[in-house]
Protein backbone atom coordinates (compact mmCIF):
# COMPACT_ATOMS: atom_id res chain seq x y z
CA MET A 1 2.05 8.66 28.42
CA LEU A 2 4.85 6.28 27.54
CA CYS A 3 4.29 2.97 29.31
CA GLU A 4 7.38 1.03 30.36
CA THR A 5 6.69 -2.71 30.20
CA VAL A 6 8.19 -4.91 32.90
CA ARG A 7 10.44 -7.55 31.33
CA LEU A 8 11.36 -10.45 33.54
CA VAL A 9 12.76 -13.92 32.89
CA SER A 10 12.04 -16.94 35.10
CA PRO A 11 15.02 -18.86 36.56
CA SER A 12 14.21 -21.94 34.47
CA GLN A 13 14.37 -19.96 31.25
CA GLU A 14 17.52 -18.15 32.31
CA ARG A 15 19.21 -21.56 32.42
CA SER A 16 17.86 -22.52 28.97
CA SER A 17 19.51 -20.02 26.69
CA HIS A 18 18.49 -22.03 23.61
CA ASN A 19 14.78 -21.61 24.41
CA PRO A 20 13.26 -19.40 21.66
CA PHE A 21 10.61 -18.06 24.06
CA ARG A 22 11.89 -15.29 26.29
CA LEU A 23 9.07 -14.44 28.67
CA THR A 24 9.06 -10.72 28.06
CA GLY A 25 6.05 -8.49 28.59
CA ASP A 26 5.24 -8.78 24.87
CA PHE A 27 5.09 -12.58 24.94
CA LEU A 28 3.08 -12.46 28.17
CA ASN A 29 0.49 -10.33 26.41
CA MET A 30 0.27 -12.86 23.54
CA ARG A 31 -0.85 -15.78 25.74
CA LEU A 32 -1.87 -14.99 29.32
CA GLU A 33 -3.61 -11.76 28.44
CA GLY A 34 -5.86 -13.64 26.00
CA PHE A 35 -7.02 -16.08 28.68
CA LEU A 36 -7.46 -13.38 31.32
CA ASP A 37 -9.34 -11.12 28.94
CA GLN A 38 -11.82 -13.94 28.32
CA LYS A 39 -12.28 -14.41 32.07
CA LYS A 40 -12.24 -10.71 32.95
CA THR A 41 -15.90 -10.49 34.05
CA LEU A 42 -15.55 -13.48 36.38
CA VAL A 43 -12.23 -12.29 37.80
CA LEU A 44 -13.52 -8.79 38.52
CA LYS A 45 -16.67 -10.18 40.16
CA LYS A 46 -14.63 -12.43 42.46
CA TRP A 47 -12.14 -9.64 43.17
CA PHE A 48 -14.87 -7.22 44.21
CA GLU A 49 -16.36 -9.90 46.46
CA GLN A 50 -12.97 -10.23 48.15
CA VAL A 51 -12.92 -6.47 48.76
CA ALA A 52 -16.43 -6.59 50.23
CA GLN A 53 -15.45 -9.42 52.57
CA THR A 54 -12.88 -7.20 54.26
CA TYR A 55 -15.78 -5.17 55.72
CA PRO A 56 -18.26 -6.14 58.47
CA ALA A 57 -21.11 -8.44 57.37
CA ASP A 58 -23.76 -5.71 57.00
CA THR A 59 -21.46 -3.45 55.00
CA SER A 60 -20.29 -6.36 52.86
CA LYS A 61 -23.88 -7.29 52.03
CA PHE A 62 -24.67 -3.70 51.10
CA LEU A 63 -21.60 -3.35 48.87
CA ASN A 64 -22.52 -6.52 46.98
CA SER A 65 -26.26 -5.88 46.67
CA GLN A 66 -26.50 -2.14 45.98
CA LYS A 67 -25.77 -1.64 42.28
CA ASP A 68 -26.51 2.09 42.11
CA PRO A 69 -23.12 3.88 42.22
CA PHE A 70 -24.76 7.03 43.62
CA ALA A 71 -26.32 5.13 46.52
CA ASN A 72 -23.16 3.06 46.92
CA PRO A 73 -20.21 5.38 46.15
CA VAL A 74 -17.63 3.15 47.86
CA GLY A 75 -18.75 0.13 45.86
CA GLY A 76 -18.79 2.19 42.67
CA THR A 77 -15.28 3.50 43.31
CA PHE A 78 -13.91 -0.01 43.85
CA LYS A 79 -15.66 -1.50 40.82
CA ARG A 80 -14.23 1.19 38.55
CA GLY A 81 -10.85 1.07 40.23
CA LEU A 82 -10.47 -2.71 40.11
CA GLU A 83 -11.36 -2.84 36.42
CA ALA A 84 -8.92 -0.05 35.55
CA LEU A 85 -6.19 -1.69 37.65
CA PHE A 86 -6.78 -5.11 36.10
CA ASP A 87 -6.54 -3.64 32.59
CA GLU A 88 -3.33 -1.86 33.55
CA LEU A 89 -1.79 -5.05 34.95
CA LEU A 90 -2.55 -6.83 31.68
CA GLN A 91 -0.81 -4.14 29.66
CA GLY A 92 2.34 -4.07 31.78
CA TRP A 93 3.41 -2.21 34.90
CA ASN A 94 3.73 1.54 34.77
CA ALA A 95 4.04 3.11 38.23
CA GLU A 96 2.23 6.34 37.38
CA ALA A 97 -0.69 4.59 35.69
CA VAL A 98 -1.01 2.01 38.49
CA ARG A 99 -0.93 4.78 41.12
CA THR A 100 -3.76 6.56 39.31
CA CYS A 101 -5.86 3.38 39.49
CA LEU A 102 -5.03 2.72 43.13
CA ASP A 103 -5.31 6.21 44.58
CA PRO A 104 -9.12 6.54 44.95
CA MET A 105 -9.45 3.04 46.47
CA ILE A 106 -6.56 3.40 48.91
CA ARG A 107 -7.75 6.84 50.03
CA ILE A 108 -11.02 5.22 51.07
CA ARG A 109 -9.20 2.50 53.01
CA ALA A 110 -6.96 5.10 54.68
CA ILE A 111 -9.88 6.91 56.34
CA GLN A 112 -11.53 3.68 57.45
CA ASP A 113 -10.61 1.43 60.36
CA PHE A 114 -8.04 -0.75 58.59
CA THR A 115 -4.53 -1.74 59.54
CA PRO A 116 -1.99 -1.10 56.75
CA ALA A 117 -1.79 -4.82 55.93
CA ARG A 118 -5.57 -5.23 55.89
CA ALA A 119 -5.98 -2.12 53.77
CA VAL A 120 -3.95 -3.54 50.88
CA SER A 121 -4.78 -7.24 51.34
CA PHE A 122 -7.37 -7.19 48.55
CA ILE A 123 -4.58 -6.74 46.00
CA PHE A 124 -2.87 -10.00 46.99
CA SER A 125 -6.23 -11.82 46.79
CA LEU A 126 -6.06 -11.43 43.01
CA LYS A 127 -3.39 -14.17 42.91
CA HIS A 128 -5.73 -16.78 44.37
CA ILE A 129 -8.58 -15.66 42.11
CA LEU A 130 -6.43 -15.99 38.99
CA ARG A 131 -5.15 -19.44 39.90
CA ASN A 132 -8.71 -20.66 40.43
CA ALA A 133 -9.89 -19.08 37.18
CA LEU A 134 -7.00 -20.63 35.20
CA LYS A 135 -7.02 -24.16 36.63
CA LYS A 136 -7.39 -25.84 33.25
CA GLU A 137 -5.01 -23.54 31.43
CA LEU A 138 -2.27 -23.90 34.06
CA LYS A 139 -1.57 -27.49 33.05
CA GLY A 140 1.00 -26.19 30.56
CA ASP A 141 4.37 -25.30 32.10
CA ARG A 142 4.79 -22.24 29.93
CA LEU A 143 1.59 -20.62 31.19
CA VAL A 144 2.64 -21.27 34.78
CA ASP A 145 5.79 -19.25 34.13
CA GLU A 146 3.75 -16.47 32.57
CA LEU A 147 1.43 -16.37 35.56
CA PHE A 148 4.43 -16.23 37.87
CA LEU A 149 5.63 -13.13 36.03
CA PHE A 150 2.17 -11.61 36.17
CA GLU A 151 2.12 -12.17 39.93
CA THR A 152 5.28 -10.08 40.26
CA ARG A 153 3.22 -7.19 38.92
CA ILE A 154 0.65 -7.83 41.64
CA ASP A 155 3.41 -7.76 44.27
CA GLU A 156 4.73 -4.45 42.91
CA THR A 157 1.19 -3.08 42.96
CA ALA A 158 0.69 -4.08 46.59
CA MET A 159 3.92 -2.34 47.62
CA LEU A 160 2.87 0.81 45.80
CA ALA A 161 -0.57 0.63 47.47
CA PHE A 162 1.12 0.40 50.88
CA ASN A 163 3.13 3.55 50.13
CA ILE A 164 -0.01 5.42 49.06
CA TYR A 165 -1.80 4.26 52.22
CA MET A 166 1.00 5.52 54.47
CA GLU A 167 1.11 8.87 52.65
CA CYS A 168 -2.64 9.27 53.21
CA ARG A 169 -2.37 8.35 56.89
CA GLU A 170 0.42 10.86 57.42
CA LYS A 171 -1.75 13.57 55.86
CA ILE A 172 -4.66 12.60 58.11
CA TYR A 173 -2.42 12.80 61.19
CA GLU A 174 -1.22 16.24 60.10
CA LEU A 175 -4.79 17.49 59.66
CA LYS A 176 -5.84 16.10 63.04
CA ALA A 177 -2.83 17.65 64.76
CA THR A 178 -3.57 21.04 63.19
CA GLU A 179 -7.25 20.85 64.17
CA ILE A 180 -6.39 19.96 67.78
CA HIS A 181 -3.89 22.82 67.90
CA ASN A 182 -6.45 25.30 66.55
CA ARG A 183 -9.19 24.16 68.93
CA THR A 184 -6.85 24.39 71.89
CA PHE A 185 -5.75 27.88 70.84
CA ARG A 186 -9.37 29.06 70.52
CA ALA A 187 -10.23 27.61 73.94
CA PHE A 188 -7.28 29.42 75.53
CA GLU A 189 -8.31 32.60 73.75
CA ARG A 190 -11.88 32.40 75.11
CA ALA A 191 -10.49 31.76 78.60
CA GLY A 192 -8.30 34.85 78.31
CA LEU A 193 -5.12 32.82 78.53
CA VAL A 194 -3.81 34.36 75.29
CA SER A 195 -4.11 38.03 74.52
CA ALA A 196 -3.85 38.13 70.73
CA ILE A 197 -3.69 36.03 67.62
CA SER A 198 -0.64 36.34 65.43
CA GLU A 199 -1.09 37.84 61.98
CA GLU A 200 -0.78 34.43 60.39
CA GLY A 201 -3.26 32.87 62.79
CA PRO A 202 -3.02 29.64 64.82
CA GLY A 203 -1.46 26.55 63.36
CA ARG A 204 0.81 28.49 61.00
C-alpha cells in the first residue's frame, strides 16, 4: 500500500522563507519520531489507562489488571489497536491504514453505552499524554512546531473515528429495525392477522 505522508507547514515557518527546515513529514520523522519511539512503552501505557478510565470503576479495574487477552478481549483489542495506531501516526497519516487500526476499537465503543463524543475522546487524550512525556524535549521551539503538526494527525484521526462510529451506529439501528419488524410480523402471523408470508419473507 502506498502511504501518502501529510506535509504541513506551521504559520511561523511560512513567514520565514529563508528557514532551511521545512517541517514536512520527512523532517518530522527525523526528530519527533525518535523521541516518541523512545517513549513508546510509557505513552501506550498511559493511553490505555485513559481508555480504561472512560469505563465504570469496576470495568476500568478489570481492563487494567487482567493481562490475558482471552479473558479480557476488549482490553486486548485496545492494546493492539492503540499500538498499531500510534505506529501509523508516527509514519504519517494514511486514511485507509488509520481506519484499519481504528475499526476494531470503534466497533466496540459503538455497541456500548457511549455518546459519540465520549466514544472517540480517548484519541484526543493522546495530546495531553505526549505533552507530559515530552516536557523536557519541548523546550526547543522547533520540536514544539513538530508536535503541533503531529497533533493535526491526531485531530484527523479523531474525525475519522467519529465517522466510523456513526457508520456502526447506523448499521445497529438498521439491524434493530429489521428485528423489530420481523418479530412484529411473526406475532401478527401467529394471531392470524396475516394470512401468508411473501416469497421473500418479512423484512425484505
